[in-house]
Amino acid sequence: DDGDVEPWAETFTVDATIANNANPAPAAGRELILKV
């Protein structure tokens, strides 16, 4: 909410995945999660 995306991304493992039913493919890996 504060836009602190780098520390937010650190709350995910390096190989984390995020999937949701609004996007065609899950985000895999902290770097892609950070980019999104």
Full PDB file with SEQRES, HELIX, SHEET, SSBOND, CRYST1, ORIGX, SCALE, CONECT and MASTER records, all heavy atoms in Angstrom:
SEQRES   1 A   36  ASP ASP GLY ASP VAL GLU PRO TRP ALA GLU THR PHE THR          
SEQRES   2 A   36  VAL ASP ALA THR ILE ALA ASN ASN ALA ASN PRO ALA PRO          
SEQRES   3 A   36  ALA ALA GLY ARG GLU LEU ILE LEU LYS VAL                      
HELIX    1 AA1 VAL A    5  ALA A    9  1                                   5    
HELIX    2 AA2 ARG A   30  LYS A   35  1                                   6    
SHEET    1 AA1 2 THR A  17  ILE A  18  0                                        
SHEET    2 AA1 2 ALA A  27  ALA A  28 -1                                        
CRYST1    1.000    1.000    1.000  90.00  90.00  90.00 P 1           1          
ORIGX1      1.000000  0.000000  0.000000        0.00000                         
ORIGX2      0.000000  1.000000  0.000000        0.00000                         
ORIGX3      0.000000  0.000000  1.000000        0.00000                         
SCALE1      1.000000  0.000000  0.000000        0.00000                         
SCALE2      0.000000  1.000000  0.000000        0.00000                         
SCALE3      0.000000  0.000000  1.000000        0.00000                         
ATOM      1  N   ASP A   1       0.816  -1.210   0.000  1.00  0.00           N  
ATOM      2  CA  ASP A   1       0.000   0.000   0.000  1.00  0.00           C  
ATOM      3  C   ASP A   1       0.853   1.265   0.000  1.00  0.00           C  
ATOM      4  O   ASP A   1       0.468   2.286  -0.563  1.00  0.00           O  
ATOM      5  CB  ASP A   1      -0.947   0.019   1.199  1.00  0.00           C  
ATOM      6  CG  ASP A   1      -2.051  -1.015   1.084  1.00  0.00           C  
ATOM      7  OD1 ASP A   1      -2.279  -1.553  -0.018  1.00  0.00           O  
ATOM      8  OD2 ASP A   1      -2.690  -1.292   2.117  1.00  0.00           O  
ATOM      9  N   ASP A   2       2.026   1.190   0.617  1.00  0.00           N  
ATOM     10  CA  ASP A   2       2.934   2.344   0.668  1.00  0.00           C  
ATOM     11  C   ASP A   2       3.834   2.439  -0.562  1.00  0.00           C  
ATOM     12  O   ASP A   2       4.642   3.357  -0.670  1.00  0.00           O  
ATOM     13  CB  ASP A   2       3.798   2.281   1.926  1.00  0.00           C  
ATOM     14  CG  ASP A   2       2.996   2.504   3.201  1.00  0.00           C  
ATOM     15  OD1 ASP A   2       1.867   3.033   3.117  1.00  0.00           O  
ATOM     16  OD2 ASP A   2       3.500   2.148   4.278  1.00  0.00           O  
ATOM     17  N   GLY A   3       3.722   1.480  -1.474  1.00  0.00           N  
ATOM     18  CA  GLY A   3       4.543   1.497  -2.673  1.00  0.00           C  
ATOM     19  C   GLY A   3       5.973   1.049  -2.443  1.00  0.00           C  
ATOM     20  O   GLY A   3       6.836   1.249  -3.292  1.00  0.00           O  
ATOM     21  N   ASP A   4       6.232   0.403  -1.308  1.00  0.00           N  
ATOM     22  CA  ASP A   4       7.573  -0.098  -0.988  1.00  0.00           C  
ATOM     23  C   ASP A   4       7.735  -1.492  -1.588  1.00  0.00           C  
ATOM     24  O   ASP A   4       7.776  -2.502  -0.876  1.00  0.00           O  
ATOM     25  CB  ASP A   4       7.782  -0.145   0.530  1.00  0.00           C  
ATOM     26  CG  ASP A   4       7.838   1.236   1.154  1.00  0.00           C  
ATOM     27  OD1 ASP A   4       8.193   2.196   0.438  1.00  0.00           O  
ATOM     28  OD2 ASP A   4       7.526   1.353   2.352  1.00  0.00           O  
ATOM     29  N   VAL A   5       7.841  -1.563  -2.910  1.00  0.00           N  
ATOM     30  CA  VAL A   5       7.772  -2.845  -3.590  1.00  0.00           C  
ATOM     31  C   VAL A   5       9.012  -3.718  -3.395  1.00  0.00           C  
ATOM     32  O   VAL A   5       8.896  -4.942  -3.396  1.00  0.00           O  
ATOM     33  CB  VAL A   5       7.442  -2.692  -5.088  1.00  0.00           C  
ATOM     34  CG1 VAL A   5       6.027  -2.174  -5.264  1.00  0.00           C  
ATOM     35  CG2 VAL A   5       8.433  -1.799  -5.793  1.00  0.00           C  
ATOM     36  N   GLU A   6      10.182  -3.110  -3.223  1.00  0.00           N  
ATOM     37  CA  GLU A   6      11.370  -3.950  -3.016  1.00  0.00           C  
ATOM     38  C   GLU A   6      11.294  -4.716  -1.694  1.00  0.00           C  
ATOM     39  O   GLU A   6      11.458  -5.939  -1.687  1.00  0.00           O  
ATOM     40  CB  GLU A   6      12.659  -3.124  -3.121  1.00  0.00           C  
ATOM     41  CG  GLU A   6      13.070  -2.803  -4.548  1.00  0.00           C  
ATOM     42  CD  GLU A   6      12.259  -1.667  -5.180  1.00  0.00           C  
ATOM     43  OE1 GLU A   6      11.520  -0.947  -4.461  1.00  0.00           O  
ATOM     44  OE2 GLU A   6      12.346  -1.502  -6.406  1.00  0.00           O  
ATOM     45  N   PRO A   7      11.023  -4.035  -0.559  1.00  0.00           N  
ATOM     46  CA  PRO A   7      10.867  -4.815   0.683  1.00  0.00           C  
ATOM     47  C   PRO A   7       9.663  -5.754   0.631  1.00  0.00           C  
ATOM     48  O   PRO A   7       9.689  -6.836   1.204  1.00  0.00           O  
ATOM     49  CB  PRO A   7      10.694  -3.770   1.780  1.00  0.00           C  
ATOM     50  CG  PRO A   7      10.948  -2.451   1.172  1.00  0.00           C  
ATOM     51  CD  PRO A   7      11.011  -2.614  -0.315  1.00  0.00           C  
ATOM     52  N   TRP A   8       8.608  -5.358  -0.080  1.00  0.00           N  
ATOM     53  CA  TRP A   8       7.447  -6.240  -0.240  1.00  0.00           C  
ATOM     54  C   TRP A   8       7.864  -7.514  -0.960  1.00  0.00           C  
ATOM     55  O   TRP A   8       7.505  -8.617  -0.540  1.00  0.00           O  
ATOM     56  CB  TRP A   8       6.337  -5.520  -1.013  1.00  0.00           C  
ATOM     57  CG  TRP A   8       5.148  -6.368  -1.307  1.00  0.00           C  
ATOM     58  CD1 TRP A   8       4.094  -6.638  -0.470  1.00  0.00           C  
ATOM     59  CD2 TRP A   8       4.884  -7.095  -2.518  1.00  0.00           C  
ATOM     60  NE1 TRP A   8       3.199  -7.480  -1.095  1.00  0.00           N  
ATOM     61  CE2 TRP A   8       3.660  -7.767  -2.348  1.00  0.00           C  
ATOM     62  CE3 TRP A   8       5.568  -7.222  -3.721  1.00  0.00           C  
ATOM     63  CZ2 TRP A   8       3.101  -8.568  -3.333  1.00  0.00           C  
ATOM     64  CZ3 TRP A   8       5.016  -8.030  -4.716  1.00  0.00           C  
ATOM     65  CH2 TRP A   8       3.790  -8.685  -4.518  1.00  0.00           C  
ATOM     66  N   ALA A   9       8.649  -7.389  -2.031  1.00  0.00           N  
ATOM     67  CA  ALA A   9       9.089  -8.563  -2.786  1.00  0.00           C  
ATOM     68  C   ALA A   9       9.946  -9.489  -1.933  1.00  0.00           C  
ATOM     69  O   ALA A   9       9.948 -10.703  -2.138  1.00  0.00           O  
ATOM     70  CB  ALA A   9       9.852  -8.138  -4.041  1.00  0.00           C  
ATOM     71  N   GLU A  10      10.659  -8.936  -0.965  1.00  0.00           N  
ATOM     72  CA  GLU A  10      11.480  -9.752  -0.073  1.00  0.00           C  
ATOM     73  C   GLU A  10      10.632 -10.653   0.827  1.00  0.00           C  
ATOM     74  O   GLU A  10      11.164 -11.577   1.443  1.00  0.00           O  
ATOM     75  CB  GLU A  10      12.383  -8.870   0.788  1.00  0.00           C  
ATOM     76  CG  GLU A  10      13.442  -8.130  -0.003  1.00  0.00           C  
ATOM     77  CD  GLU A  10      14.490  -9.056  -0.599  1.00  0.00           C  
ATOM     78  OE1 GLU A  10      14.892 -10.016   0.088  1.00  0.00           O  
ATOM     79  OE2 GLU A  10      14.901  -8.820  -1.753  1.00  0.00           O  
ATOM     80  N   THR A  11       9.315 -10.408   0.884  1.00  0.00           N  
ATOM     81  CA  THR A  11       8.437 -11.272   1.675  1.00  0.00           C  
ATOM     82  C   THR A  11       8.063 -12.540   0.906  1.00  0.00           C  
ATOM     83  O   THR A  11       7.283 -13.345   1.399  1.00  0.00           O  
ATOM     84  CB  THR A  11       7.159 -10.534   2.145  1.00  0.00           C  
ATOM     85  OG1 THR A  11       6.345 -10.222   1.011  1.00  0.00           O  
ATOM     86  CG2 THR A  11       7.502  -9.278   2.934  1.00  0.00           C  
ATOM     87  N   PHE A  12       8.644 -12.715  -0.289  1.00  0.00           N  
ATOM     88  CA  PHE A  12       8.447 -13.908  -1.106  1.00  0.00           C  
ATOM     89  C   PHE A  12       9.776 -14.650  -1.211  1.00  0.00           C  
ATOM     90  O   PHE A  12      10.839 -14.035  -1.253  1.00  0.00           O  
ATOM     91  CB  PHE A  12       7.971 -13.529  -2.520  1.00  0.00           C  
ATOM     92  CG  PHE A  12       6.581 -12.978  -2.546  1.00  0.00           C  
ATOM     93  CD1 PHE A  12       6.343 -11.643  -2.285  1.00  0.00           C  
ATOM     94  CD2 PHE A  12       5.496 -13.805  -2.817  1.00  0.00           C  
ATOM     95  CE1 PHE A  12       5.057 -11.125  -2.288  1.00  0.00           C  
ATOM     96  CE2 PHE A  12       4.213 -13.300  -2.825  1.00  0.00           C  
ATOM     97  CZ  PHE A  12       3.989 -11.961  -2.558  1.00  0.00           C  
ATOM     98  N   THR A  13       9.708 -15.972  -1.294  1.00  0.00           N  
ATOM     99  CA  THR A  13      10.925 -16.742  -1.515  1.00  0.00           C  
ATOM    100  C   THR A  13      11.441 -16.445  -2.925  1.00  0.00           C  
ATOM    101  O   THR A  13      10.697 -15.951  -3.784  1.00  0.00           O  
ATOM    102  CB  THR A  13      10.674 -18.260  -1.371  1.00  0.00           C  
ATOM    103  OG1 THR A  13       9.731 -18.669  -2.365  1.00  0.00           O  
ATOM    104  CG2 THR A  13      10.177 -18.612   0.032  1.00  0.00           C  
ATOM    105  N   VAL A  14      12.696 -16.748  -3.172  1.00  0.00           N  
ATOM    106  CA  VAL A  14      13.308 -16.493  -4.478  1.00  0.00           C  
ATOM    107  C   VAL A  14      12.546 -17.214  -5.588  1.00  0.00           C  
ATOM    108  O   VAL A  14      12.383 -16.688  -6.689  1.00  0.00           O  
ATOM    109  CB  VAL A  14      14.799 -16.900  -4.465  1.00  0.00           C  
ATOM    110  CG1 VAL A  14      15.406 -16.827  -5.846  1.00  0.00           C  
ATOM    111  CG2 VAL A  14      15.578 -16.035  -3.493  1.00  0.00           C  
ATOM    112  N   ASP A  15      12.027 -18.403  -5.295  1.00  0.00           N  
ATOM    113  CA  ASP A  15      11.329 -19.199  -6.305  1.00  0.00           C  
ATOM    114  C   ASP A  15       9.808 -19.200  -6.127  1.00  0.00           C  
ATOM    115  O   ASP A  15       9.110 -20.087  -6.620  1.00  0.00           O  
ATOM    116  CB  ASP A  15      11.854 -20.626  -6.303  1.00  0.00           C  
ATOM    117  CG  ASP A  15      11.670 -21.324  -4.954  1.00  0.00           C  
ATOM    118  OD1 ASP A  15      11.346 -20.645  -3.952  1.00  0.00           O  
ATOM    119  OD2 ASP A  15      11.859 -22.549  -4.898  1.00  0.00           O  
ATOM    120  N   ALA A  16       9.282 -18.196  -5.461  1.00  0.00           N  
ATOM    121  CA  ALA A  16       7.844 -18.115  -5.189  1.00  0.00           C  
ATOM    122  C   ALA A  16       7.032 -18.035  -6.477  1.00  0.00           C  
ATOM    123  O   ALA A  16       7.534 -17.622  -7.526  1.00  0.00           O  
ATOM    124  CB  ALA A  16       7.544 -16.891  -4.324  1.00  0.00           C  
ATOM    125  N   THR A  17       5.755 -18.415  -6.363  1.00  0.00           N  
ATOM    126  CA  THR A  17       4.810 -18.247  -7.464  1.00  0.00           C  
ATOM    127  C   THR A  17       3.564 -17.533  -6.946  1.00  0.00           C  
ATOM    128  O   THR A  17       3.168 -17.710  -5.791  1.00  0.00           O  
ATOM    129  CB  THR A  17       4.377 -19.592  -8.089  1.00  0.00           C  
ATOM    130  OG1 THR A  17       3.756 -20.401  -7.090  1.00  0.00           O  
ATOM    131  CG2 THR A  17       5.551 -20.322  -8.718  1.00  0.00           C  
ATOM    132  N   ILE A  18       2.994 -16.707  -7.827  1.00  0.00           N  
ATOM    133  CA  ILE A  18       1.694 -16.093  -7.568  1.00  0.00           C  
ATOM    134  C   ILE A  18       0.824 -16.387  -8.782  1.00  0.00           C  
ATOM    135  O   ILE A  18       1.188 -16.050  -9.906  1.00  0.00           O  
ATOM    136  CB  ILE A  18       1.769 -14.562  -7.381  1.00  0.00           C  
ATOM    137  CG1 ILE A  18       2.653 -14.169  -6.210  1.00  0.00           C  
ATOM    138  CG2 ILE A  18       0.354 -13.997  -7.196  1.00  0.00           C  
ATOM    139  CD1 ILE A  18       2.791 -12.666  -6.022  1.00  0.00           C  
ATOM    140  N   ALA A  19      -0.298 -17.013  -8.523  1.00  0.00           N  
ATOM    141  CA  ALA A  19      -1.265 -17.288  -9.581  1.00  0.00           C  
ATOM    142  C   ALA A  19      -2.570 -16.613  -9.216  1.00  0.00           C  
ATOM    143  O   ALA A  19      -2.902 -16.476  -8.037  1.00  0.00           O  
ATOM    144  CB  ALA A  19      -1.476 -18.794  -9.725  1.00  0.00           C  
ATOM    145  N   ASN A  20      -3.298 -16.150 -10.232  1.00  0.00           N  
ATOM    146  CA  ASN A  20      -4.639 -15.630  -9.981  1.00  0.00           C  
ATOM    147  C   ASN A  20      -5.498 -15.879 -11.201  1.00  0.00           C  
ATOM    148  O   ASN A  20      -4.990 -16.128 -12.295  1.00  0.00           O  
ATOM    149  CB  ASN A  20      -4.613 -14.153  -9.569  1.00  0.00           C  
ATOM    150  CG  ASN A  20      -4.215 -13.240 -10.696  1.00  0.00           C  
ATOM    151  OD1 ASN A  20      -4.938 -13.110 -11.674  1.00  0.00           O  
ATOM    152  ND2 ASN A  20      -3.056 -12.606 -10.561  1.00  0.00           N  
ATOM    153  N   ASN A  21      -6.773 -15.838 -11.007  1.00  0.00           N  
ATOM    154  CA  ASN A  21      -7.710 -16.151 -12.076  1.00  0.00           C  
ATOM    155  C   ASN A  21      -7.986 -14.966 -12.998  1.00  0.00           C  
ATOM    156  O   ASN A  21      -8.838 -15.051 -13.858  1.00  0.00           O  
ATOM    157  CB  ASN A  21      -9.021 -16.719 -11.507  1.00  0.00           C  
ATOM    158  CG  ASN A  21      -9.737 -15.737 -10.606  1.00  0.00           C  
ATOM    159  OD1 ASN A  21      -9.151 -14.811 -10.054  1.00  0.00           O  
ATOM    160  ND2 ASN A  21     -11.027 -15.952 -10.421  1.00  0.00           N  
ATOM    161  N   ALA A  22      -7.217 -13.882 -12.872  1.00  0.00           N  
ATOM    162  CA  ALA A  22      -7.371 -12.731 -13.758  1.00  0.00           C  
ATOM    163  C   ALA A  22      -6.290 -12.694 -14.840  1.00  0.00           C  
ATOM    164  O   ALA A  22      -6.387 -11.911 -15.771  1.00  0.00           O  
ATOM    165  CB  ALA A  22      -7.333 -11.434 -12.945  1.00  0.00           C  
ATOM    166  N   ASN A  23      -5.248 -13.509 -14.699  1.00  0.00           N  
ATOM    167  CA  ASN A  23      -4.131 -13.508 -15.638  1.00  0.00           C  
ATOM    168  C   ASN A  23      -3.925 -14.897 -16.214  1.00  0.00           C  
ATOM    169  O   ASN A  23      -4.164 -15.890 -15.546  1.00  0.00           O  
ATOM    170  CB  ASN A  23      -2.851 -13.036 -14.936  1.00  0.00           C  
ATOM    171  CG  ASN A  23      -2.948 -11.592 -14.509  1.00  0.00           C  
ATOM    172  OD1 ASN A  23      -3.396 -10.746 -15.275  1.00  0.00           O  
ATOM    173  ND2 ASN A  23      -2.555 -11.308 -13.290  1.00  0.00           N  
ATOM    174  N   PRO A  24      -3.406 -14.981 -17.426  1.00  0.00           N  
ATOM    175  CA  PRO A  24      -3.270 -16.277 -18.080  1.00  0.00           C  
ATOM    176  C   PRO A  24      -2.157 -17.166 -17.518  1.00  0.00           C  
ATOM    177  O   PRO A  24      -2.214 -18.377 -17.679  1.00  0.00           O  
ATOM    178  CB  PRO A  24      -2.969 -15.916 -19.536  1.00  0.00           C  
ATOM    179  CG  PRO A  24      -2.412 -14.541 -19.476  1.00  0.00           C  
ATOM    180  CD  PRO A  24      -3.053 -13.880 -18.290  1.00  0.00           C  
ATOM    181  N   ALA A  25      -1.153 -16.594 -16.876  1.00  0.00           N  
ATOM    182  CA  ALA A  25      -0.036 -17.410 -16.385  1.00  0.00           C  
ATOM    183  C   ALA A  25       0.434 -16.891 -15.031  1.00  0.00           C  
ATOM    184  O   ALA A  25       0.414 -15.687 -14.783  1.00  0.00           O  
ATOM    185  CB  ALA A  25       1.120 -17.366 -17.376  1.00  0.00           C  
ATOM    186  N   PRO A  26       0.866 -17.784 -14.147  1.00  0.00           N  
ATOM    187  CA  PRO A  26       1.353 -17.332 -12.845  1.00  0.00           C  
ATOM    188  C   PRO A  26       2.691 -16.609 -12.975  1.00  0.00           C  
ATOM    189  O   PRO A  26       3.449 -16.844 -13.913  1.00  0.00           O  
ATOM    190  CB  PRO A  26       1.516 -18.626 -12.048  1.00  0.00           C  
ATOM    191  CG  PRO A  26       1.629 -19.703 -13.068  1.00  0.00           C  
ATOM    192  CD  PRO A  26       0.888 -19.228 -14.281  1.00  0.00           C  
ATOM    193  N   ALA A  27       2.952 -15.715 -12.053  1.00  0.00           N  
ATOM    194  CA  ALA A  27       4.269 -15.077 -11.948  1.00  0.00           C  
ATOM    195  C   ALA A  27       5.149 -16.029 -11.156  1.00  0.00           C  
ATOM    196  O   ALA A  27       4.801 -16.416 -10.040  1.00  0.00           O  
ATOM    197  CB  ALA A  27       4.161 -13.728 -11.249  1.00  0.00           C  
ATOM    198  N   ALA A  28       6.274 -16.419 -11.738  1.00  0.00           N  
ATOM    199  CA  ALA A  28       7.165 -17.382 -11.093  1.00  0.00           C  
ATOM    200  C   ALA A  28       8.515 -16.723 -10.823  1.00  0.00           C  
ATOM    201  O   ALA A  28       9.152 -16.211 -11.743  1.00  0.00           O  
ATOM    202  CB  ALA A  28       7.345 -18.613 -11.980  1.00  0.00           C  
ATOM    203  N   GLY A  29       8.899 -16.724  -9.566  1.00  0.00           N  
ATOM    204  CA  GLY A  29      10.179 -16.166  -9.155  1.00  0.00           C  
ATOM    205  C   GLY A  29      10.048 -14.746  -8.642  1.00  0.00           C  
ATOM    206  O   GLY A  29       9.238 -13.960  -9.135  1.00  0.00           O  
ATOM    207  N   ARG A  30      10.854 -14.437  -7.631  1.00  0.00           N  
ATOM    208  CA  ARG A  30      10.782 -13.129  -6.980  1.00  0.00           C  
ATOM    209  C   ARG A  30      11.044 -11.981  -7.961  1.00  0.00           C  
ATOM    210  O   ARG A  30      10.412 -10.929  -7.867  1.00  0.00           O  
ATOM    211  CB  ARG A  30      11.764 -13.054  -5.822  1.00  0.00           C  
ATOM    212  CG  ARG A  30      11.628 -11.750  -5.042  1.00  0.00           C  
ATOM    213  CD  ARG A  30      12.706 -11.563  -4.011  1.00  0.00           C  
ATOM    214  NE  ARG A  30      12.639 -12.551  -2.970  1.00  0.00           N  
ATOM    215  CZ  ARG A  30      13.676 -12.899  -2.216  1.00  0.00           C  
ATOM    216  NH1 ARG A  30      14.862 -12.338  -2.406  1.00  0.00           N  
ATOM    217  NH2 ARG A  30      13.551 -13.811  -1.275  1.00  0.00           N  
ATOM    218  N   GLU A  31      11.959 -12.157  -8.897  1.00  0.00           N  
ATOM    219  CA  GLU A  31      12.272 -11.075  -9.836  1.00  0.00           C  
ATOM    220  C   GLU A  31      11.066 -10.698 -10.690  1.00  0.00           C  
ATOM    221  O   GLU A  31      10.786  -9.520 -10.901  1.00  0.00           O  
ATOM    222  CB  GLU A  31      13.476 -11.437 -10.707  1.00  0.00           C  
ATOM    223  CG  GLU A  31      14.787 -11.399  -9.955  1.00  0.00           C  
ATOM    224  CD  GLU A  31      15.071 -10.062  -9.282  1.00  0.00           C  
ATOM    225  OE1 GLU A  31      14.905  -9.001  -9.934  1.00  0.00           O  
ATOM    226  OE2 GLU A  31      15.443 -10.072  -8.089  1.00  0.00           O  
ATOM    227  N   LEU A  32      10.344 -11.690 -11.194  1.00  0.00           N  
ATOM    228  CA  LEU A  32       9.142 -11.393 -11.981  1.00  0.00           C  
ATOM    229  C   LEU A  32       8.053 -10.806 -11.090  1.00  0.00           C  
ATOM    230  O   LEU A  32       7.356  -9.865 -11.491  1.00  0.00           O  
ATOM    231  CB  LEU A  32       8.636 -12.645 -12.690  1.00  0.00           C  
ATOM    232  CG  LEU A  32       7.393 -12.456 -13.560  1.00  0.00           C  
ATOM    233  CD1 LEU A  32       7.591 -11.346 -14.595  1.00  0.00           C  
ATOM    234  CD2 LEU A  32       7.018 -13.765 -14.236  1.00  0.00           C  
ATOM    235  N   ILE A  33       7.911 -11.329  -9.888  1.00  0.00           N  
ATOM    236  CA  ILE A  33       6.931 -10.784  -8.942  1.00  0.00           C  
ATOM    237  C   ILE A  33       7.245  -9.318  -8.666  1.00  0.00           C  
ATOM    238  O   ILE A  33       6.349  -8.475  -8.656  1.00  0.00           O  
ATOM    239  CB  ILE A  33       6.905 -11.622  -7.652  1.00  0.00           C  
ATOM    240  CG1 ILE A  33       6.300 -13.007  -7.945  1.00  0.00           C  
ATOM    241  CG2 ILE A  33       6.159 -10.909  -6.535  1.00  0.00           C  
ATOM    242  CD1 ILE A  33       6.479 -14.022  -6.831  1.00  0.00           C  
ATOM    243  N   LEU A  34       8.510  -8.990  -8.493  1.00  0.00           N  
ATOM    244  CA  LEU A  34       8.923  -7.595  -8.258  1.00  0.00           C  
ATOM    245  C   LEU A  34       8.610  -6.724  -9.471  1.00  0.00           C  
ATOM    246  O   LEU A  34       8.112  -5.600  -9.328  1.00  0.00           O  
ATOM    247  CB  LEU A  34      10.414  -7.529  -7.920  1.00  0.00           C  
ATOM    248  CG  LEU A  34      11.014  -6.143  -7.721  1.00  0.00           C  
ATOM    249  CD1 LEU A  34      10.281  -5.357  -6.636  1.00  0.00           C  
ATOM    250  CD2 LEU A  34      12.498  -6.249  -7.399  1.00  0.00           C  
ATOM    251  N   LYS A  35       8.868  -7.225 -10.663  1.00  0.00           N  
ATOM    252  CA  LYS A  35       8.589  -6.466 -11.887  1.00  0.00           C  
ATOM    253  C   LYS A  35       7.099  -6.132 -11.984  1.00  0.00           C  
ATOM    254  O   LYS A  35       6.717  -4.999 -12.291  1.00  0.00           O  
ATOM    255  CB  LYS A  35       9.042  -7.275 -13.103  1.00  0.00           C  
ATOM    256  CG  LYS A  35       8.841  -6.582 -14.415  1.00  0.00           C  
ATOM    257  CD  LYS A  35       9.333  -7.455 -15.564  1.00  0.00           C  
ATOM    258  CE  LYS A  35       9.086  -6.789 -16.904  1.00  0.00           C  
ATOM    259  NZ  LYS A  35       9.527  -7.638 -18.016  1.00  0.00           N  
ATOM    260  N   VAL A  36       6.254  -7.114 -11.720  1.00  0.00           N  
ATOM    261  CA  VAL A  36       4.807  -6.898 -11.757  1.00  0.00           C  
ATOM    262  C   VAL A  36       4.388  -5.902 -10.672  1.00  0.00           C  
ATOM    263  O   VAL A  36       3.575  -5.002 -10.914  1.00  0.00           O  
ATOM    264  CB  VAL A  36       4.053  -8.235 -11.612  1.00  0.00           C  
ATOM    265  CG1 VAL A  36       2.554  -8.007 -11.435  1.00  0.00           C  
ATOM    266  CG2 VAL A  36       4.327  -9.134 -12.811  1.00  0.00           C  
TER     267      VAL A  36                                                      
MASTER        0    0    0    2    2    0    0    6  266    1    0    3          
END                                                                             
